Amino acid sequence: MSLAPPDLTGLASAVTVVMRQGGFAVGIAVLGAVLHNQGSAISYVWLFSAAAVASAAGLVAALVLLPAPAEKKFSGLDS
């Protein structure tokens, strides 16, 4: 929310919540569709591997796309 203008923080928060809930719903639907016809637990390995790769890609994207933290400016006074 720190990147949104102060007058749009409520809207930014709402969009974030809606997108998160939509992602959960789509993810659960995809998992249900894929796992519906699977016969054994060993066949889940590729799915969990794909999820791990997607999570790692999301982590890399977050690290690359997030802005660098702002440097603190010191006034020169010891407190």
PDB file of N, CA and C in Angstrom:
ATOM      1  N   MET A   1       0.801  -1.189   0.000  1.00  0.00           N
ATOM      2  CA  MET A   1       0.000   0.000   0.000  1.00  0.00           C
ATOM      3  C   MET A   1       0.850   1.262   0.000  1.00  0.00           C
ATOM      4  N   SER A   2       2.127   1.130   0.294  1.00  0.00           N
ATOM      5  CA  SER A   2       2.968   2.317   0.388  1.00  0.00           C
ATOM      6  C   SER A   2       3.200   2.964  -0.973  1.00  0.00           C
ATOM      7  N   LEU A   3       2.983   2.223  -2.057  1.00  0.00           N
ATOM      8  CA  LEU A   3       3.179   2.796  -3.382  1.00  0.00           C
ATOM      9  C   LEU A   3       1.936   3.511  -3.907  1.00  0.00           C
ATOM     10  N   ALA A   4       0.803   3.281  -3.290  1.00  0.00           N
ATOM     11  CA  ALA A   4      -0.440   3.915  -3.737  1.00  0.00           C
ATOM     12  C   ALA A   4      -0.540   5.327  -3.159  1.00  0.00           C
ATOM     13  N   PRO A   5      -1.113   6.241  -3.925  1.00  0.00           N
ATOM     14  CA  PRO A   5      -1.334   7.591  -3.389  1.00  0.00           C
ATOM     15  C   PRO A   5      -2.249   7.509  -2.164  1.00  0.00           C
ATOM     16  N   PRO A   6      -2.081   8.421  -1.214  1.00  0.00           N
ATOM     17  CA  PRO A   6      -2.875   8.362   0.022  1.00  0.00           C
ATOM     18  C   PRO A   6      -4.381   8.332  -0.197  1.00  0.00           C
ATOM     19  N   ASP A   7      -4.868   9.010  -1.225  1.00  0.00           N
ATOM     20  CA  ASP A   7      -6.311   9.035  -1.439  1.00  0.00           C
ATOM     21  C   ASP A   7      -6.836   7.764  -2.109  1.00  0.00           C
ATOM     22  N   LEU A   8      -5.937   6.870  -2.553  1.00  0.00           N
ATOM     23  CA  LEU A   8      -6.363   5.631  -3.199  1.00  0.00           C
ATOM     24  C   LEU A   8      -5.958   4.373  -2.426  1.00  0.00           C
ATOM     25  N   THR A   9      -5.552   4.510  -1.179  1.00  0.00           N
ATOM     26  CA  THR A   9      -5.099   3.345  -0.428  1.00  0.00           C
ATOM     27  C   THR A   9      -6.243   2.364  -0.155  1.00  0.00           C
ATOM     28  N   GLY A  10      -7.435   2.854   0.066  1.00  0.00           N
ATOM     29  CA  GLY A  10      -8.577   1.956   0.271  1.00  0.00           C
ATOM     30  C   GLY A  10      -8.867   1.137  -0.970  1.00  0.00           C
ATOM     31  N   LEU A  11      -8.829   1.783  -2.114  1.00  0.00           N
ATOM     32  CA  LEU A  11      -9.050   1.089  -3.381  1.00  0.00           C
ATOM     33  C   LEU A  11      -7.949   0.066  -3.635  1.00  0.00           C
ATOM     34  N   ALA A  12      -6.706   0.436  -3.378  1.00  0.00           N
ATOM     35  CA  ALA A  12      -5.586  -0.483  -3.573  1.00  0.00           C
ATOM     36  C   ALA A  12      -5.709  -1.690  -2.659  1.00  0.00           C
ATOM     37  N   SER A  13      -6.122  -1.474  -1.436  1.00  0.00           N
ATOM     38  CA  SER A  13      -6.314  -2.572  -0.498  1.00  0.00           C
ATOM     39  C   SER A  13      -7.424  -3.504  -0.975  1.00  0.00           C
ATOM     40  N   ALA A  14      -8.514  -2.948  -1.429  1.00  0.00           N
ATOM     41  CA  ALA A  14      -9.635  -3.760  -1.905  1.00  0.00           C
ATOM     42  C   ALA A  14      -9.241  -4.584  -3.129  1.00  0.00           C
ATOM     43  N   VAL A  15      -8.517  -3.984  -4.055  1.00  0.00           N
ATOM     44  CA  VAL A  15      -8.076  -4.708  -5.252  1.00  0.00           C
ATOM     45  C   VAL A  15      -7.140  -5.845  -4.856  1.00  0.00           C
ATOM     46  N   THR A  16      -6.261  -5.606  -3.907  1.00  0.00           N
ATOM     47  CA  THR A  16      -5.351  -6.646  -3.447  1.00  0.00           C
ATOM     48  C   THR A  16      -6.117  -7.820  -2.846  1.00  0.00           C
ATOM     49  N   VAL A  17      -7.101  -7.538  -2.023  1.00  0.00           N
ATOM     50  CA  VAL A  17      -7.882  -8.601  -1.387  1.00  0.00           C
ATOM     51  C   VAL A  17      -8.673  -9.388  -2.427  1.00  0.00           C
ATOM     52  N   VAL A  18      -9.294  -8.698  -3.362  1.00  0.00           N
ATOM     53  CA  VAL A  18     -10.096  -9.375  -4.392  1.00  0.00           C
ATOM     54  C   VAL A  18      -9.212 -10.245  -5.277  1.00  0.00           C
ATOM     55  N   MET A  19      -8.045  -9.739  -5.664  1.00  0.00           N
ATOM     56  CA  MET A  19      -7.141 -10.528  -6.504  1.00  0.00           C
ATOM     57  C   MET A  19      -6.630 -11.754  -5.747  1.00  0.00           C
ATOM     58  N   ARG A  20      -6.334 -11.614  -4.478  1.00  0.00           N
ATOM     59  CA  ARG A  20      -5.879 -12.749  -3.676  1.00  0.00           C
ATOM     60  C   ARG A  20      -6.967 -13.811  -3.580  1.00  0.00           C
ATOM     61  N   GLN A  21      -8.194 -13.399  -3.309  1.00  0.00           N
ATOM     62  CA  GLN A  21      -9.286 -14.364  -3.205  1.00  0.00           C
ATOM     63  C   GLN A  21      -9.564 -15.035  -4.550  1.00  0.00           C
ATOM     64  N   GLY A  22      -9.487 -14.269  -5.625  1.00  0.00           N
ATOM     65  CA  GLY A  22      -9.661 -14.840  -6.962  1.00  0.00           C
ATOM     66  C   GLY A  22      -8.572 -15.853  -7.281  1.00  0.00           C
ATOM     67  N   GLY A  23      -7.346 -15.552  -6.893  1.00  0.00           N
ATOM     68  CA  GLY A  23      -6.240 -16.484  -7.108  1.00  0.00           C
ATOM     69  C   GLY A  23      -6.433 -17.771  -6.335  1.00  0.00           C
ATOM     70  N   PHE A  24      -6.909 -17.663  -5.093  1.00  0.00           N
ATOM     71  CA  PHE A  24      -7.190 -18.866  -4.311  1.00  0.00           C
ATOM     72  C   PHE A  24      -8.263 -19.709  -4.993  1.00  0.00           C
ATOM     73  N   ALA A  25      -9.331 -19.071  -5.431  1.00  0.00           N
ATOM     74  CA  ALA A  25     -10.438 -19.801  -6.050  1.00  0.00           C
ATOM     75  C   ALA A  25      -9.994 -20.485  -7.338  1.00  0.00           C
ATOM     76  N   VAL A  26      -9.259 -19.782  -8.175  1.00  0.00           N
ATOM     77  CA  VAL A  26      -8.779 -20.376  -9.427  1.00  0.00           C
ATOM     78  C   VAL A  26      -7.794 -21.506  -9.132  1.00  0.00           C
ATOM     79  N   GLY A  27      -6.911 -21.306  -8.171  1.00  0.00           N
ATOM     80  CA  GLY A  27      -5.956 -22.349  -7.816  1.00  0.00           C
ATOM     81  C   GLY A  27      -6.631 -23.613  -7.329  1.00  0.00           C
ATOM     82  N   ILE A  28      -7.624 -23.467  -6.485  1.00  0.00           N
ATOM     83  CA  ILE A  28      -8.352 -24.627  -5.983  1.00  0.00           C
ATOM     84  C   ILE A  28      -9.112 -25.315  -7.109  1.00  0.00           C
ATOM     85  N   ALA A  29      -9.704 -24.540  -8.000  1.00  0.00           N
ATOM     86  CA  ALA A  29     -10.425 -25.128  -9.138  1.00  0.00           C
ATOM     87  C   ALA A  29      -9.484 -25.904 -10.054  1.00  0.00           C
ATOM     88  N   VAL A  30      -8.318 -25.347 -10.317  1.00  0.00           N
ATOM     89  CA  VAL A  30      -7.342 -26.038 -11.172  1.00  0.00           C
ATOM     90  C   VAL A  30      -6.854 -27.313 -10.497  1.00  0.00           C
ATOM     91  N   LEU A  31      -6.536 -27.234  -9.216  1.00  0.00           N
ATOM     92  CA  LEU A  31      -6.107 -28.437  -8.502  1.00  0.00           C
ATOM     93  C   LEU A  31      -7.192 -29.507  -8.515  1.00  0.00           C
ATOM     94  N   GLY A  32      -8.429 -29.112  -8.317  1.00  0.00           N
ATOM     95  CA  GLY A  32      -9.526 -30.072  -8.356  1.00  0.00           C
ATOM     96  C   GLY A  32      -9.687 -30.712  -9.715  1.00  0.00           C
ATOM     97  N   ALA A  33      -9.525 -29.918 -10.767  1.00  0.00           N
ATOM     98  CA  ALA A  33      -9.645 -30.461 -12.121  1.00  0.00           C
ATOM     99  C   ALA A  33      -8.495 -31.401 -12.456  1.00  0.00           C
ATOM    100  N   VAL A  34      -7.302 -31.047 -12.029  1.00  0.00           N
ATOM    101  CA  VAL A  34      -6.131 -31.864 -12.351  1.00  0.00           C
ATOM    102  C   VAL A  34      -6.102 -33.131 -11.507  1.00  0.00           C
ATOM    103  N   LEU A  35      -6.415 -33.030 -10.238  1.00  0.00           N
ATOM    104  CA  LEU A  35      -6.301 -34.162  -9.338  1.00  0.00           C
ATOM    105  C   LEU A  35      -7.513 -35.088  -9.362  1.00  0.00           C
ATOM    106  N   HIS A  36      -8.548 -34.709 -10.049  1.00  0.00           N
ATOM    107  CA  HIS A  36      -9.773 -35.502 -10.072  1.00  0.00           C
ATOM    108  C   HIS A  36      -9.543 -36.904 -10.628  1.00  0.00           C
ATOM    109  N   ASN A  37      -8.749 -37.020 -11.680  1.00  0.00           N
ATOM    110  CA  ASN A  37      -8.569 -38.307 -12.347  1.00  0.00           C
ATOM    111  C   ASN A  37      -7.264 -39.004 -11.981  1.00  0.00           C
ATOM    112  N   GLN A  38      -6.551 -38.529 -11.009  1.00  0.00           N
ATOM    113  CA  GLN A  38      -5.279 -39.145 -10.630  1.00  0.00           C
ATOM    114  C   GLN A  38      -5.542 -40.406  -9.815  1.00  0.00           C
ATOM    115  N   GLY A  39      -4.725 -41.434 -10.079  1.00  0.00           N
ATOM    116  CA  GLY A  39      -4.956 -42.716  -9.433  1.00  0.00           C
ATOM    117  C   GLY A  39      -4.185 -42.936  -8.152  1.00  0.00           C
ATOM    118  N   SER A  40      -2.970 -42.419  -8.053  1.00  0.00           N
ATOM    119  CA  SER A  40      -2.161 -42.692  -6.864  1.00  0.00           C
ATOM    120  C   SER A  40      -1.444 -41.422  -6.409  1.00  0.00           C
ATOM    121  N   ALA A  41      -0.900 -41.512  -5.214  1.00  0.00           N
ATOM    122  CA  ALA A  41      -0.232 -40.343  -4.642  1.00  0.00           C
ATOM    123  C   ALA A  41       1.043 -39.994  -5.392  1.00  0.00           C
ATOM    124  N   ILE A  42       1.712 -40.964  -6.003  1.00  0.00           N
ATOM    125  CA  ILE A  42       2.963 -40.680  -6.712  1.00  0.00           C
ATOM    126  C   ILE A  42       2.720 -39.780  -7.929  1.00  0.00           C
ATOM    127  N   SER A  43       1.507 -39.803  -8.459  1.00  0.00           N
ATOM    128  CA  SER A  43       1.220 -38.962  -9.622  1.00  0.00           C
ATOM    129  C   SER A  43       1.084 -37.491  -9.245  1.00  0.00           C
ATOM    130  N   TYR A  44       1.048 -37.189  -7.949  1.00  0.00           N
ATOM    131  CA  TYR A  44       0.964 -35.796  -7.507  1.00  0.00           C
ATOM    132  C   TYR A  44       2.321 -35.102  -7.523  1.00  0.00           C
ATOM    133  N   VAL A  45       3.393 -35.859  -7.659  1.00  0.00           N
ATOM    134  CA  VAL A  45       4.741 -35.294  -7.551  1.00  0.00           C
ATOM    135  C   VAL A  45       4.963 -34.205  -8.593  1.00  0.00           C
ATOM    136  N   TRP A  46       4.561 -34.433  -9.829  1.00  0.00           N
ATOM    137  CA  TRP A  46       4.787 -33.428 -10.871  1.00  0.00           C
ATOM    138  C   TRP A  46       4.011 -32.154 -10.573  1.00  0.00           C
ATOM    139  N   LEU A  47       2.811 -32.310 -10.006  1.00  0.00           N
ATOM    140  CA  LEU A  47       1.999 -31.134  -9.701  1.00  0.00           C
ATOM    141  C   LEU A  47       2.632 -30.297  -8.596  1.00  0.00           C
ATOM    142  N   PHE A  48       3.098 -30.967  -7.543  1.00  0.00           N
ATOM    143  CA  PHE A  48       3.740 -30.232  -6.458  1.00  0.00           C
ATOM    144  C   PHE A  48       5.071 -29.637  -6.895  1.00  0.00           C
ATOM    145  N   SER A  49       5.762 -30.310  -7.800  1.00  0.00           N
ATOM    146  CA  SER A  49       7.005 -29.756  -8.354  1.00  0.00           C
ATOM    147  C   SER A  49       6.713 -28.491  -9.163  1.00  0.00           C
ATOM    148  N   ALA A  50       5.651 -28.539  -9.958  1.00  0.00           N
ATOM    149  CA  ALA A  50       5.266 -27.355 -10.730  1.00  0.00           C
ATOM    150  C   ALA A  50       4.865 -26.208  -9.801  1.00  0.00           C
ATOM    151  N   ALA A  51       4.182 -26.514  -8.719  1.00  0.00           N
ATOM    152  CA  ALA A  51       3.801 -25.475  -7.759  1.00  0.00           C
ATOM    153  C   ALA A  51       5.029 -24.882  -7.085  1.00  0.00           C
ATOM    154  N   ALA A  52       6.025 -25.716  -6.780  1.00  0.00           N
ATOM    155  CA  ALA A  52       7.258 -25.216  -6.168  1.00  0.00           C
ATOM    156  C   ALA A  52       8.006 -24.298  -7.126  1.00  0.00           C
ATOM    157  N   VAL A  53       8.062 -24.664  -8.403  1.00  0.00           N
ATOM    158  CA  VAL A  53       8.728 -23.819  -9.403  1.00  0.00           C
ATOM    159  C   VAL A  53       7.975 -22.493  -9.545  1.00  0.00           C
ATOM    160  N   ALA A  54       6.650 -22.543  -9.571  1.00  0.00           N
ATOM    161  CA  ALA A  54       5.865 -21.309  -9.675  1.00  0.00           C
ATOM    162  C   ALA A  54       6.072 -20.424  -8.452  1.00  0.00           C
ATOM    163  N   SER A  55       6.171 -21.027  -7.277  1.00  0.00           N
ATOM    164  CA  SER A  55       6.422 -20.243  -6.060  1.00  0.00           C
ATOM    165  C   SER A  55       7.795 -19.594  -6.097  1.00  0.00           C
ATOM    166  N   ALA A  56       8.781 -20.335  -6.562  1.00  0.00           N
ATOM    167  CA  ALA A  56      10.129 -19.776  -6.670  1.00  0.00           C
ATOM    168  C   ALA A  56      10.155 -18.636  -7.680  1.00  0.00           C
ATOM    169  N   ALA A  57       9.432 -18.799  -8.785  1.00  0.00           N
ATOM    170  CA  ALA A  57       9.362 -17.726  -9.782  1.00  0.00           C
ATOM    171  C   ALA A  57       8.687 -16.487  -9.193  1.00  0.00           C
ATOM    172  N   GLY A  58       7.656 -16.677  -8.389  1.00  0.00           N
ATOM    173  CA  GLY A  58       6.994 -15.548  -7.726  1.00  0.00           C
ATOM    174  C   GLY A  58       7.913 -14.848  -6.754  1.00  0.00           C
ATOM    175  N   LEU A  59       8.723 -15.617  -6.031  1.00  0.00           N
ATOM    176  CA  LEU A  59       9.682 -15.018  -5.107  1.00  0.00           C
ATOM    177  C   LEU A  59      10.713 -14.185  -5.857  1.00  0.00           C
ATOM    178  N   VAL A  60      11.228 -14.724  -6.943  1.00  0.00           N
ATOM    179  CA  VAL A  60      12.214 -13.983  -7.746  1.00  0.00           C
ATOM    180  C   VAL A  60      11.586 -12.712  -8.307  1.00  0.00           C
ATOM    181  N   ALA A  61      10.370 -12.822  -8.818  1.00  0.00           N
ATOM    182  CA  ALA A  61       9.688 -11.642  -9.359  1.00  0.00           C
ATOM    183  C   ALA A  61       9.484 -10.585  -8.283  1.00  0.00           C
ATOM    184  N   ALA A  62       9.089 -11.009  -7.080  1.00  0.00           N
ATOM    185  CA  ALA A  62       8.889 -10.050  -5.992  1.00  0.00           C
ATOM    186  C   ALA A  62      10.194  -9.364  -5.616  1.00  0.00           C
ATOM    187  N   LEU A  63      11.272 -10.128  -5.541  1.00  0.00           N
ATOM    188  CA  LEU A  63      12.565  -9.537  -5.182  1.00  0.00           C
ATOM    189  C   LEU A  63      13.062  -8.566  -6.240  1.00  0.00           C
ATOM    190  N   VAL A  64      12.786  -8.861  -7.498  1.00  0.00           N
ATOM    191  CA  VAL A  64      13.253  -7.999  -8.587  1.00  0.00           C
ATOM    192  C   VAL A  64      12.376  -6.750  -8.718  1.00  0.00           C
ATOM    193  N   LEU A  65      11.072  -6.912  -8.545  1.00  0.00           N
ATOM    194  CA  LEU A  65      10.146  -5.812  -8.823  1.00  0.00           C
ATOM    195  C   LEU A  65       9.905  -4.871  -7.655  1.00  0.00           C
ATOM    196  N   LEU A  66      10.158  -5.315  -6.430  1.00  0.00           N
ATOM    197  CA  LEU A  66       9.933  -4.424  -5.295  1.00  0.00           C
ATOM    198  C   LEU A  66      10.961  -3.305  -5.285  1.00  0.00           C
ATOM    199  N   PRO A  67      10.545  -2.106  -4.928  1.00  0.00           N
ATOM    200  CA  PRO A  67      11.495  -0.996  -4.884  1.00  0.00           C
ATOM    201  C   PRO A  67      12.482  -1.171  -3.727  1.00  0.00           C
ATOM    202  N   ALA A  68      13.644  -0.604  -3.902  1.00  0.00           N
ATOM    203  CA  ALA A  68      14.656  -0.648  -2.843  1.00  0.00           C
ATOM    204  C   ALA A  68      14.188   0.189  -1.660  1.00  0.00           C
ATOM    205  N   PRO A  69      14.531  -0.205  -0.445  1.00  0.00           N
ATOM    206  CA  PRO A  69      14.128   0.593   0.716  1.00  0.00           C
ATOM    207  C   PRO A  69      14.797   1.965   0.690  1.00  0.00           C
ATOM    208  N   ALA A  70      14.064   2.950   1.135  1.00  0.00           N
ATOM    209  CA  ALA A  70      14.586   4.315   1.167  1.00  0.00           C
ATOM    210  C   ALA A  70      15.661   4.427   2.237  1.00  0.00           C
ATOM    211  N   GLU A  71      16.692   5.169   1.940  1.00  0.00           N
ATOM    212  CA  GLU A  71      17.760   5.381   2.914  1.00  0.00           C
ATOM    213  C   GLU A  71      17.312   6.401   3.950  1.00  0.00           C
ATOM    214  N   LYS A  72      17.683   6.147   5.193  1.00  0.00           N
ATOM    215  CA  LYS A  72      17.352   7.076   6.255  1.00  0.00           C
ATOM    216  C   LYS A  72      18.323   8.227   6.230  1.00  0.00           C
ATOM    217  N   LYS A  73      17.801   9.425   6.408  1.00  0.00           N
ATOM    218  CA  LYS A  73      18.628  10.612   6.465  1.00  0.00           C
ATOM    219  C   LYS A  73      18.848  10.968   7.917  1.00  0.00           C
ATOM    220  N   PHE A  74      20.085  11.114   8.284  1.00  0.00           N
ATOM    221  CA  PHE A  74      20.428  11.462   9.657  1.00  0.00           C
ATOM    222  C   PHE A  74      20.664  12.969   9.757  1.00  0.00           C
ATOM    223  N   SER A  75      20.208  13.513  10.870  1.00  0.00           N
ATOM    224  CA  SER A  75      20.352  14.959  11.063  1.00  0.00           C
ATOM    225  C   SER A  75      21.728  15.317  11.637  1.00  0.00           C
ATOM    226  N   GLY A  76      22.499  14.308  12.016  1.00  0.00           N
ATOM    227  CA  GLY A  76      23.822  14.589  12.573  1.00  0.00           C
ATOM    228  C   GLY A  76      23.800  14.726  14.092  1.00  0.00           C
ATOM    229  N   LEU A  77      22.608  14.676  14.677  1.00  0.00           N
ATOM    230  CA  LEU A  77      22.495  14.783  16.129  1.00  0.00           C
ATOM    231  C   LEU A  77      22.441  13.380  16.726  1.00  0.00           C
ATOM    232  N   ASP A  78      23.199  13.178  17.770  1.00  0.00           N
ATOM    233  CA  ASP A  78      23.149  11.884  18.465  1.00  0.00           C
ATOM    234  C   ASP A  78      22.006  11.907  19.441  1.00  0.00           C
ATOM    235  N   SER A  79      21.192  10.860  19.414  1.00  0.00           N
ATOM    236  CA  SER A  79      20.047  10.800  20.334  1.00  0.00           C
ATOM    237  C   SER A  79      20.214   9.649  21.278  1.00  0.00           C
TER     238      SER A  79
END
